[in-house]
PDB file of all heavy atoms in Angstrom:
ATOM      1  N   GLY A   1       9.931 -22.151  11.555  1.00  0.00           N
ATOM      2  CA  GLY A   1      10.706 -21.722  12.701  1.00  0.00           C
ATOM      3  C   GLY A   1      10.025 -22.086  14.011  1.00  0.00           C
ATOM      4  O   GLY A   1      10.690 -22.469  14.987  1.00  0.00           O
ATOM      5  N   PHE A   2       8.712 -21.978  14.049  1.00  0.00           N
ATOM      6  CA  PHE A   2       7.941 -22.388  15.226  1.00  0.00           C
ATOM      7  C   PHE A   2       8.092 -23.885  15.471  1.00  0.00           C
ATOM      8  O   PHE A   2       8.339 -24.332  16.602  1.00  0.00           O
ATOM      9  CB  PHE A   2       6.472 -22.031  15.007  1.00  0.00           C
ATOM     10  CG  PHE A   2       5.545 -22.501  16.091  1.00  0.00           C
ATOM     11  CD1 PHE A   2       5.710 -22.075  17.402  1.00  0.00           C
ATOM     12  CD2 PHE A   2       4.498 -23.350  15.799  1.00  0.00           C
ATOM     13  CE1 PHE A   2       4.844 -22.504  18.410  1.00  0.00           C
ATOM     14  CE2 PHE A   2       3.626 -23.785  16.789  1.00  0.00           C
ATOM     15  CZ  PHE A   2       3.798 -23.362  18.101  1.00  0.00           C
ATOM     16  N   MET A   3       7.976 -24.675  14.410  1.00  0.00           N
ATOM     17  CA  MET A   3       8.152 -26.124  14.547  1.00  0.00           C
ATOM     18  C   MET A   3       9.570 -26.467  14.983  1.00  0.00           C
ATOM     19  O   MET A   3       9.783 -27.408  15.767  1.00  0.00           O
ATOM     20  CB  MET A   3       7.819 -26.813  13.232  1.00  0.00           C
ATOM     21  CG  MET A   3       6.337 -26.776  12.851  1.00  0.00           C
ATOM     22  SD  MET A   3       5.284 -27.715  13.980  1.00  0.00           S
ATOM     23  CE  MET A   3       5.766 -29.401  13.552  1.00  0.00           C
ATOM     24  N   ALA A   4      10.547 -25.711  14.492  1.00  0.00           N
ATOM     25  CA  ALA A   4      11.941 -25.942  14.898  1.00  0.00           C
ATOM     26  C   ALA A   4      12.121 -25.664  16.383  1.00  0.00           C
ATOM     27  O   ALA A   4      12.825 -26.397  17.088  1.00  0.00           O
ATOM     28  CB  ALA A   4      12.879 -25.067  14.072  1.00  0.00           C
ATOM     29  N   GLU A   5      11.478 -24.606  16.882  1.00  0.00           N
ATOM     30  CA  GLU A   5      11.575 -24.291  18.307  1.00  0.00           C
ATOM     31  C   GLU A   5      10.914 -25.378  19.155  1.00  0.00           C
ATOM     32  O   GLU A   5      11.451 -25.784  20.193  1.00  0.00           O
ATOM     33  CB  GLU A   5      10.935 -22.929  18.581  1.00  0.00           C
ATOM     34  CG  GLU A   5      10.817 -22.560  20.044  1.00  0.00           C
ATOM     35  CD  GLU A   5      12.148 -22.478  20.787  1.00  0.00           C
ATOM     36  OE1 GLU A   5      13.205 -22.371  20.125  1.00  0.00           O
ATOM     37  OE2 GLU A   5      12.145 -22.531  22.037  1.00  0.00           O
ATOM     38  N   LEU A   6       9.753 -25.865  18.723  1.00  0.00           N
ATOM     39  CA  LEU A   6       9.104 -26.953  19.465  1.00  0.00           C
ATOM     40  C   LEU A   6       9.953 -28.220  19.423  1.00  0.00           C
ATOM     41  O   LEU A   6      10.038 -28.950  20.425  1.00  0.00           O
ATOM     42  CB  LEU A   6       7.714 -27.233  18.884  1.00  0.00           C
ATOM     43  CG  LEU A   6       6.659 -26.144  19.062  1.00  0.00           C
ATOM     44  CD1 LEU A   6       5.311 -26.642  18.545  1.00  0.00           C
ATOM     45  CD2 LEU A   6       6.530 -25.713  20.516  1.00  0.00           C
ATOM     46  N   ALA A   7      10.585 -28.485  18.287  1.00  0.00           N
ATOM     47  CA  ALA A   7      11.454 -29.660  18.181  1.00  0.00           C
ATOM     48  C   ALA A   7      12.660 -29.521  19.100  1.00  0.00           C
ATOM     49  O   ALA A   7      13.092 -30.500  19.730  1.00  0.00           O
ATOM     50  CB  ALA A   7      11.910 -29.845  16.731  1.00  0.00           C
ATOM     51  N   ARG A   8      13.219 -28.312  19.189  1.00  0.00           N
ATOM     52  CA  ARG A   8      14.343 -28.080  20.096  1.00  0.00           C
ATOM     53  C   ARG A   8      13.925 -28.288  21.542  1.00  0.00           C
ATOM     54  O   ARG A   8      14.633 -28.929  22.334  1.00  0.00           O
ATOM     55  CB  ARG A   8      14.877 -26.661  19.917  1.00  0.00           C
ATOM     56  CG  ARG A   8      16.119 -26.360  20.750  1.00  0.00           C
ATOM     57  CD  ARG A   8      16.411 -24.871  20.851  1.00  0.00           C
ATOM     58  NE  ARG A   8      15.359 -24.147  21.547  1.00  0.00           N
ATOM     59  CZ  ARG A   8      15.225 -24.131  22.878  1.00  0.00           C
ATOM     60  NH1 ARG A   8      16.064 -24.818  23.649  1.00  0.00           N
ATOM     61  NH2 ARG A   8      14.251 -23.434  23.440  1.00  0.00           N
ATOM     62  N   ARG A   9      12.756 -27.757  21.889  1.00  0.00           N
ATOM     63  CA  ARG A   9      12.276 -27.915  23.260  1.00  0.00           C
ATOM     64  C   ARG A   9      12.045 -29.394  23.603  1.00  0.00           C
ATOM     65  O   ARG A   9      12.340 -29.835  24.719  1.00  0.00           O
ATOM     66  CB  ARG A   9      10.988 -27.126  23.465  1.00  0.00           C
ATOM     67  CG  ARG A   9      11.167 -25.617  23.407  1.00  0.00           C
ATOM     68  CD  ARG A   9       9.872 -24.884  23.756  1.00  0.00           C
ATOM     69  NE  ARG A   9      10.012 -23.450  23.555  1.00  0.00           N
ATOM     70  CZ  ARG A   9       9.100 -22.551  23.904  1.00  0.00           C
ATOM     71  NH1 ARG A   9       7.970 -22.958  24.482  1.00  0.00           N
ATOM     72  NH2 ARG A   9       9.301 -21.269  23.679  1.00  0.00           N
ATOM     73  N   ALA A  10      11.499 -30.127  22.645  1.00  0.00           N
ATOM     74  CA  ALA A  10      11.245 -31.550  22.890  1.00  0.00           C
ATOM     75  C   ALA A  10      12.543 -32.311  23.116  1.00  0.00           C
ATOM     76  O   ALA A  10      12.658 -33.122  24.037  1.00  0.00           O
ATOM     77  CB  ALA A  10      10.463 -32.147  21.729  1.00  0.00           C
ATOM     78  N   ALA A  11      13.534 -32.049  22.259  1.00  0.00           N
ATOM     79  CA  ALA A  11      14.816 -32.746  22.397  1.00  0.00           C
ATOM     80  C   ALA A  11      15.499 -32.383  23.710  1.00  0.00           C
ATOM     81  O   ALA A  11      16.032 -33.251  24.411  1.00  0.00           O
ATOM     82  CB  ALA A  11      15.722 -32.404  21.208  1.00  0.00           C
ATOM     83  N   ASP A  12      15.483 -31.099  24.058  1.00  0.00           N
ATOM     84  CA  ASP A  12      16.109 -30.668  25.304  1.00  0.00           C
ATOM     85  C   ASP A  12      15.382 -31.251  26.514  1.00  0.00           C
ATOM     86  O   ASP A  12      16.014 -31.661  27.496  1.00  0.00           O
ATOM     87  CB  ASP A  12      16.117 -29.142  25.396  1.00  0.00           C
ATOM     88  CG  ASP A  12      17.112 -28.493  24.438  1.00  0.00           C
ATOM     89  OD1 ASP A  12      17.916 -29.237  23.829  1.00  0.00           O
ATOM     90  OD2 ASP A  12      17.074 -27.260  24.299  1.00  0.00           O
ATOM     91  N   ALA A  13      14.041 -31.254  26.460  1.00  0.00           N
ATOM     92  CA  ALA A  13      13.262 -31.763  27.583  1.00  0.00           C
ATOM     93  C   ALA A  13      13.489 -33.253  27.788  1.00  0.00           C
ATOM     94  O   ALA A  13      13.538 -33.734  28.928  1.00  0.00           O
ATOM     95  CB  ALA A  13      11.775 -31.484  27.352  1.00  0.00           C
ATOM     96  N   PHE A  14      13.632 -33.990  26.687  1.00  0.00           N
ATOM     97  CA  PHE A  14      13.904 -35.427  26.807  1.00  0.00           C
ATOM     98  C   PHE A  14      15.213 -35.658  27.543  1.00  0.00           C
ATOM     99  O   PHE A  14      15.297 -36.479  28.459  1.00  0.00           O
ATOM    100  CB  PHE A  14      13.947 -36.058  25.421  1.00  0.00           C
ATOM    101  CG  PHE A  14      14.147 -37.559  25.449  1.00  0.00           C
ATOM    102  CD1 PHE A  14      13.065 -38.403  25.611  1.00  0.00           C
ATOM    103  CD2 PHE A  14      15.411 -38.113  25.315  1.00  0.00           C
ATOM    104  CE1 PHE A  14      13.235 -39.782  25.643  1.00  0.00           C
ATOM    105  CE2 PHE A  14      15.607 -39.473  25.347  1.00  0.00           C
ATOM    106  CZ  PHE A  14      14.496 -40.319  25.508  1.00  0.00           C
ATOM    107  N   GLY A  15      16.238 -34.927  27.159  1.00  0.00           N
ATOM    108  CA  GLY A  15      17.536 -35.087  27.800  1.00  0.00           C
ATOM    109  C   GLY A  15      17.555 -34.632  29.242  1.00  0.00           C
ATOM    110  O   GLY A  15      18.309 -35.170  30.058  1.00  0.00           O
ATOM    111  N   ALA A  16      16.695 -33.641  29.572  1.00  0.00           N
ATOM    112  CA  ALA A  16      16.681 -33.093  30.926  1.00  0.00           C
ATOM    113  C   ALA A  16      15.708 -33.817  31.845  1.00  0.00           C
ATOM    114  O   ALA A  16      15.625 -33.486  33.033  1.00  0.00           O
ATOM    115  CB  ALA A  16      16.330 -31.611  30.876  1.00  0.00           C
ATOM    116  N   GLY A  17      14.963 -34.770  31.315  1.00  0.00           N
ATOM    117  CA  GLY A  17      13.989 -35.481  32.131  1.00  0.00           C
ATOM    118  C   GLY A  17      12.753 -34.659  32.455  1.00  0.00           C
ATOM    119  O   GLY A  17      12.083 -34.896  33.459  1.00  0.00           O
ATOM    120  N   ASP A  18      12.428 -33.684  31.586  1.00  0.00           N
ATOM    121  CA  ASP A  18      11.285 -32.789  31.803  1.00  0.00           C
ATOM    122  C   ASP A  18      10.084 -33.316  31.014  1.00  0.00           C
ATOM    123  O   ASP A  18       9.850 -32.925  29.878  1.00  0.00           O
ATOM    124  CB  ASP A  18      11.665 -31.380  31.365  1.00  0.00           C
ATOM    125  CG  ASP A  18      10.577 -30.351  31.634  1.00  0.00           C
ATOM    126  OD1 ASP A  18       9.443 -30.739  31.967  1.00  0.00           O
ATOM    127  OD2 ASP A  18      10.874 -29.143  31.499  1.00  0.00           O
ATOM    128  N   ALA A  19       9.309 -34.196  31.637  1.00  0.00           N
ATOM    129  CA  ALA A  19       8.208 -34.863  30.942  1.00  0.00           C
ATOM    130  C   ALA A  19       7.112 -33.889  30.528  1.00  0.00           C
ATOM    131  O   ALA A  19       6.514 -34.033  29.457  1.00  0.00           O
ATOM    132  CB  ALA A  19       7.627 -35.957  31.836  1.00  0.00           C
ATOM    133  N   GLU A  20       6.831 -32.886  31.353  1.00  0.00           N
ATOM    134  CA  GLU A  20       5.753 -31.950  31.052  1.00  0.00           C
ATOM    135  C   GLU A  20       6.063 -31.126  29.806  1.00  0.00           C
ATOM    136  O   GLU A  20       5.219 -30.983  28.911  1.00  0.00           O
ATOM    137  CB  GLU A  20       5.515 -31.027  32.248  1.00  0.00           C
ATOM    138  CG  GLU A  20       4.368 -30.058  32.046  1.00  0.00           C
ATOM    139  CD  GLU A  20       4.115 -29.183  33.259  1.00  0.00           C
ATOM    140  OE1 GLU A  20       4.764 -29.403  34.301  1.00  0.00           O
ATOM    141  OE2 GLU A  20       3.259 -28.274  33.158  1.00  0.00           O
ATOM    142  N   THR A  21       7.278 -30.596  29.723  1.00  0.00           N
ATOM    143  CA  THR A  21       7.670 -29.807  28.552  1.00  0.00           C
ATOM    144  C   THR A  21       7.732 -30.674  27.305  1.00  0.00           C
ATOM    145  O   THR A  21       7.328 -30.253  26.212  1.00  0.00           O
ATOM    146  CB  THR A  21       9.031 -29.134  28.790  1.00  0.00           C
ATOM    147  OG1 THR A  21       8.912 -28.247  29.905  1.00  0.00           O
ATOM    148  CG2 THR A  21       9.484 -28.350  27.572  1.00  0.00           C
ATOM    149  N   LEU A  22       8.239 -31.886  27.447  1.00  0.00           N
ATOM    150  CA  LEU A  22       8.316 -32.814  26.313  1.00  0.00           C
ATOM    151  C   LEU A  22       6.933 -33.082  25.748  1.00  0.00           C
ATOM    152  O   LEU A  22       6.704 -32.976  24.539  1.00  0.00           O
ATOM    153  CB  LEU A  22       8.970 -34.119  26.750  1.00  0.00           C
ATOM    154  CG  LEU A  22       8.969 -35.267  25.724  1.00  0.00           C
ATOM    155  CD1 LEU A  22       9.740 -34.869  24.473  1.00  0.00           C
ATOM    156  CD2 LEU A  22       9.571 -36.528  26.355  1.00  0.00           C
ATOM    157  N   ASP A  23       5.989 -33.416  26.608  1.00  0.00           N
ATOM    158  CA  ASP A  23       4.635 -33.731  26.153  1.00  0.00           C
ATOM    159  C   ASP A  23       3.988 -32.522  25.495  1.00  0.00           C
ATOM    160  O   ASP A  23       3.359 -32.640  24.433  1.00  0.00           O
ATOM    161  CB  ASP A  23       3.791 -34.203  27.342  1.00  0.00           C
ATOM    162  CG  ASP A  23       2.415 -34.699  26.915  1.00  0.00           C
ATOM    163  OD1 ASP A  23       2.339 -35.789  26.303  1.00  0.00           O
ATOM    164  OD2 ASP A  23       1.416 -33.998  27.176  1.00  0.00           O
ATOM    165  N   ALA A  24       4.154 -31.349  26.088  1.00  0.00           N
ATOM    166  CA  ALA A  24       3.551 -30.136  25.521  1.00  0.00           C
ATOM    167  C   ALA A  24       4.135 -29.817  24.149  1.00  0.00           C
ATOM    168  O   ALA A  24       3.404 -29.438  23.220  1.00  0.00           O
ATOM    169  CB  ALA A  24       3.764 -28.955  26.476  1.00  0.00           C
ATOM    170  N   ALA A  25       5.450 -29.971  23.998  1.00  0.00           N
ATOM    171  CA  ALA A  25       6.096 -29.663  22.717  1.00  0.00           C
ATOM    172  C   ALA A  25       5.657 -30.633  21.628  1.00  0.00           C
ATOM    173  O   ALA A  25       5.390 -30.231  20.485  1.00  0.00           O
ATOM    174  CB  ALA A  25       7.607 -29.687  22.877  1.00  0.00           C
ATOM    175  N   LEU A  26       5.567 -31.924  21.962  1.00  0.00           N
ATOM    176  CA  LEU A  26       5.151 -32.913  20.969  1.00  0.00           C
ATOM    177  C   LEU A  26       3.694 -32.719  20.566  1.00  0.00           C
ATOM    178  O   LEU A  26       3.352 -32.785  19.379  1.00  0.00           O
ATOM    179  CB  LEU A  26       5.364 -34.325  21.516  1.00  0.00           C
ATOM    180  CG  LEU A  26       6.818 -34.748  21.770  1.00  0.00           C
ATOM    181  CD1 LEU A  26       6.863 -36.159  22.356  1.00  0.00           C
ATOM    182  CD2 LEU A  26       7.642 -34.695  20.494  1.00  0.00           C
ATOM    183  N   ARG A  27       2.830 -32.485  21.540  1.00  0.00           N
ATOM    184  CA  ARG A  27       1.409 -32.281  21.220  1.00  0.00           C
ATOM    185  C   ARG A  27       1.192 -30.979  20.459  1.00  0.00           C
ATOM    186  O   ARG A  27       0.368 -30.916  19.533  1.00  0.00           O
ATOM    187  CB  ARG A  27       0.574 -32.303  22.501  1.00  0.00           C
ATOM    188  CG  ARG A  27       0.524 -33.670  23.173  1.00  0.00           C
ATOM    189  CD  ARG A  27      -0.386 -33.714  24.390  1.00  0.00           C
ATOM    190  NE  ARG A  27      -0.288 -35.009  25.025  1.00  0.00           N
ATOM    191  CZ  ARG A  27      -0.940 -36.101  24.618  1.00  0.00           C
ATOM    192  NH1 ARG A  27      -1.761 -36.010  23.564  1.00  0.00           N
ATOM    193  NH2 ARG A  27      -0.791 -37.248  25.244  1.00  0.00           N
ATOM    194  N   GLY A  28       1.922 -29.934  20.856  1.00  0.00           N
ATOM    195  CA  GLY A  28       1.802 -28.674  20.140  1.00  0.00           C
ATOM    196  C   GLY A  28       2.228 -28.808  18.693  1.00  0.00           C
ATOM    197  O   GLY A  28       1.581 -28.263  17.784  1.00  0.00           O
ATOM    198  N   ALA A  29       3.309 -29.551  18.438  1.00  0.00           N
ATOM    199  CA  ALA A  29       3.782 -29.764  17.071  1.00  0.00           C
ATOM    200  C   ALA A  29       2.781 -30.577  16.266  1.00  0.00           C
ATOM    201  O   ALA A  29       2.484 -30.253  15.108  1.00  0.00           O
ATOM    202  CB  ALA A  29       5.142 -30.465  17.096  1.00  0.00           C
ATOM    203  N   ARG A  30       2.260 -31.630  16.871  1.00  0.00           N
ATOM    204  CA  ARG A  30       1.291 -32.466  16.152  1.00  0.00           C
ATOM    205  C   ARG A  30       0.051 -31.652  15.784  1.00  0.00           C
ATOM    206  O   ARG A  30      -0.450 -31.733  14.652  1.00  0.00           O
ATOM    207  CB  ARG A  30       0.888 -33.657  17.017  1.00  0.00           C
ATOM    208  CG  ARG A  30      -0.083 -34.612  16.312  1.00  0.00           C
ATOM    209  CD  ARG A  30      -0.543 -35.725  17.240  1.00  0.00           C
ATOM    210  NE  ARG A  30      -1.304 -35.190  18.375  1.00  0.00           N
ATOM    211  CZ  ARG A  30      -1.837 -35.962  19.328  1.00  0.00           C
ATOM    212  NH1 ARG A  30      -1.673 -37.278  19.287  1.00  0.00           N
ATOM    213  NH2 ARG A  30      -2.523 -35.425  20.319  1.00  0.00           N
ATOM    214  N   ASP A  31      -0.452 -30.860  16.717  1.00  0.00           N
ATOM    215  CA  ASP A  31      -1.650 -30.064  16.448  1.00  0.00           C
ATOM    216  C   ASP A  31      -1.378 -29.009  15.377  1.00  0.00           C
ATOM    217  O   ASP A  31      -2.239 -28.751  14.514  1.00  0.00           O
ATOM    218  CB  ASP A  31      -2.133 -29.388  17.733  1.00  0.00           C
ATOM    219  CG  ASP A  31      -2.648 -30.388  18.766  1.00  0.00           C
ATOM    220  OD1 ASP A  31      -2.905 -31.552  18.384  1.00  0.00           O
ATOM    221  OD2 ASP A  31      -2.786 -29.999  19.940  1.00  0.00           O
ATOM    222  N   PHE A  32      -0.198 -28.397  15.415  1.00  0.00           N
ATOM    223  CA  PHE A  32       0.113 -27.355  14.438  1.00  0.00           C
ATOM    224  C   PHE A  32       0.244 -27.946  13.037  1.00  0.00           C
ATOM    225  O   PHE A  32      -0.183 -27.330  12.053  1.00  0.00           O
ATOM    226  CB  PHE A  32       1.399 -26.633  14.834  1.00  0.00           C
ATOM    227  CG  PHE A  32       1.597 -25.334  14.113  1.00  0.00           C
ATOM    228  CD1 PHE A  32       0.873 -24.208  14.469  1.00  0.00           C
ATOM    229  CD2 PHE A  32       2.506 -25.226  13.074  1.00  0.00           C
ATOM    230  CE1 PHE A  32       1.053 -22.994  13.802  1.00  0.00           C
ATOM    231  CE2 PHE A  32       2.688 -24.029  12.404  1.00  0.00           C
ATOM    232  CZ  PHE A  32       1.965 -22.909  12.764  1.00  0.00           C
ATOM    233  N   LEU A  33       0.813 -29.125  12.940  1.00  0.00           N
ATOM    234  CA  LEU A  33       0.869 -29.805  11.645  1.00  0.00           C
ATOM    235  C   LEU A  33      -0.535 -30.039  11.105  1.00  0.00           C
ATOM    236  O   LEU A  33      -0.837 -29.727   9.944  1.00  0.00           O
ATOM    237  CB  LEU A  33       1.599 -31.144  11.786  1.00  0.00           C
ATOM    238  CG  LEU A  33       3.121 -31.128  11.813  1.00  0.00           C
ATOM    239  CD1 LEU A  33       3.639 -32.536  12.084  1.00  0.00           C
ATOM    240  CD2 LEU A  33       3.694 -30.594  10.505  1.00  0.00           C
ATOM    241  N   LYS A  34      -1.381 -30.596  11.933  1.00  0.00           N
ATOM    242  CA  LYS A  34      -2.731 -30.960  11.503  1.00  0.00           C
ATOM    243  C   LYS A  34      -3.559 -29.742  11.114  1.00  0.00           C
ATOM    244  O   LYS A  34      -4.261 -29.755  10.093  1.00  0.00           O
ATOM    245  CB  LYS A  34      -3.433 -31.730  12.622  1.00  0.00           C
ATOM    246  CG  LYS A  34      -4.881 -32.092  12.305  1.00  0.00           C
ATOM    247  CD  LYS A  34      -5.532 -32.797  13.486  1.00  0.00           C
ATOM    248  CE  LYS A  34      -6.999 -33.105  13.214  1.00  0.00           C
ATOM    249  NZ  LYS A  34      -7.658 -33.753  14.385  1.00  0.00           N
ATOM    250  N   GLU A  35      -3.461 -28.688  11.907  1.00  0.00           N
ATOM    251  CA  GLU A  35      -4.336 -27.534  11.733  1.00  0.00           C
ATOM    252  C   GLU A  35      -3.784 -26.498  10.763  1.00  0.00           C
ATOM    253  O   GLU A  35      -4.545 -25.656  10.267  1.00  0.00           O
ATOM    254  CB  GLU A  35      -4.593 -26.888  13.092  1.00  0.00           C
ATOM    255  CG  GLU A  35      -5.325 -27.802  14.062  1.00  0.00           C
ATOM    256  CD  GLU A  35      -5.317 -27.276  15.496  1.00  0.00           C
ATOM    257  OE1 GLU A  35      -4.856 -26.122  15.699  1.00  0.00           O
ATOM    258  OE2 GLU A  35      -5.748 -28.014  16.393  1.00  0.00           O
ATOM    259  N   HIS A  36      -2.482 -26.571  10.476  1.00  0.00           N
ATOM    260  CA  HIS A  36      -1.890 -25.521   9.650  1.00  0.00           C
ATOM    261  C   HIS A  36      -1.003 -26.071   8.534  1.00  0.00           C
ATOM    262  O   HIS A  36      -1.415 -26.116   7.384  1.00  0.00           O
ATOM    263  CB  HIS A  36      -1.133 -24.531  10.542  1.00  0.00           C
ATOM    264  CG  HIS A  36      -2.046 -23.803  11.476  1.00  0.00           C
ATOM    265  ND1 HIS A  36      -2.879 -22.790  11.069  1.00  0.00           N
ATOM    266  CD2 HIS A  36      -2.275 -23.970  12.814  1.00  0.00           C
ATOM    267  CE1 HIS A  36      -3.594 -22.356  12.101  1.00  0.00           C
ATOM    268  NE2 HIS A  36      -3.240 -23.050  13.165  1.00  0.00           N
ATOM    269  N   LEU A  37       0.207 -26.466   8.829  1.00  0.00           N
ATOM    270  CA  LEU A  37       1.156 -26.792   7.763  1.00  0.00           C
ATOM    271  C   LEU A  37       0.646 -27.844   6.789  1.00  0.00           C
ATOM    272  O   LEU A  37       0.803 -27.697   5.574  1.00  0.00           O
ATOM    273  CB  LEU A  37       2.483 -27.240   8.379  1.00  0.00           C
ATOM    274  CG  LEU A  37       3.384 -26.097   8.880  1.00  0.00           C
ATOM    275  CD1 LEU A  37       4.460 -26.634   9.816  1.00  0.00           C
ATOM    276  CD2 LEU A  37       4.021 -25.347   7.717  1.00  0.00           C
ATOM    277  N   LEU A  38       0.031 -28.912   7.296  1.00  0.00           N
ATOM    278  CA  LEU A  38      -0.425 -29.964   6.390  1.00  0.00           C
ATOM    279  C   LEU A  38      -1.679 -29.579   5.619  1.00  0.00           C
ATOM    280  O   LEU A  38      -2.060 -30.257   4.670  1.00  0.00           O
ATOM    281  CB  LEU A  38      -0.671 -31.263   7.166  1.00  0.00           C
ATOM    282  CG  LEU A  38       0.605 -31.996   7.582  1.00  0.00           C
ATOM    283  CD1 LEU A  38       0.286 -33.183   8.473  1.00  0.00           C
ATOM    284  CD2 LEU A  38       1.381 -32.459   6.357  1.00  0.00           C
ATOM    285  N   VAL A  39      -2.284 -28.470   5.991  1.00  0.00           N
ATOM    286  CA  VAL A  39      -3.453 -27.977   5.255  1.00  0.00           C
ATOM    287  C   VAL A  39      -3.023 -27.250   3.991  1.00  0.00           C
ATOM    288  O   VAL A  39      -3.670 -27.371   2.938  1.00  0.00           O
ATOM    289  CB  VAL A  39      -4.293 -27.038   6.149  1.00  0.00           C
ATOM    290  CG1 VAL A  39      -5.432 -26.399   5.354  1.00  0.00           C
ATOM    291  CG2 VAL A  39      -4.851 -27.806   7.350  1.00  0.00           C
ATOM    292  N   TRP A  40      -1.901 -26.507   4.078  1.00  0.00           N
ATOM    293  CA  TRP A  40      -1.589 -25.635   2.946  1.00  0.00           C
ATOM    294  C   TRP A  40      -0.270 -25.914   2.233  1.00  0.00           C
ATOM    295  O   TRP A  40      -0.130 -25.559   1.060  1.00  0.00           O
ATOM    296  CB  TRP A  40      -1.636 -24.173   3.382  1.00  0.00           C
ATOM    297  CG  TRP A  40      -0.514 -23.703   4.250  1.00  0.00           C
ATOM    298  CD1 TRP A  40      -0.360 -23.917   5.591  1.00  0.00           C
ATOM    299  CD2 TRP A  40       0.601 -22.897   3.850  1.00  0.00           C
ATOM    300  NE1 TRP A  40       0.779 -23.291   6.048  1.00  0.00           N
ATOM    301  CE2 TRP A  40       1.384 -22.653   5.014  1.00  0.00           C
ATOM    302  CE3 TRP A  40       1.015 -22.355   2.641  1.00  0.00           C
ATOM    303  CZ2 TRP A  40       2.558 -21.902   4.986  1.00  0.00           C
ATOM    304  CZ3 TRP A  40       2.183 -21.602   2.604  1.00  0.00           C
ATOM    305  CH2 TRP A  40       2.938 -21.380   3.758  1.00  0.00           C
TER     306      TRP A  40
END
């Protein structure tokens, strides 16, 4: 659900031209995958 929310934010930010939110959502998702979901 957390990853889904970050994915929603990224998609919305891309369409709205919000580069800061887009970058934060993509980096947050990548880090969460590496540190959590892909571990277990």
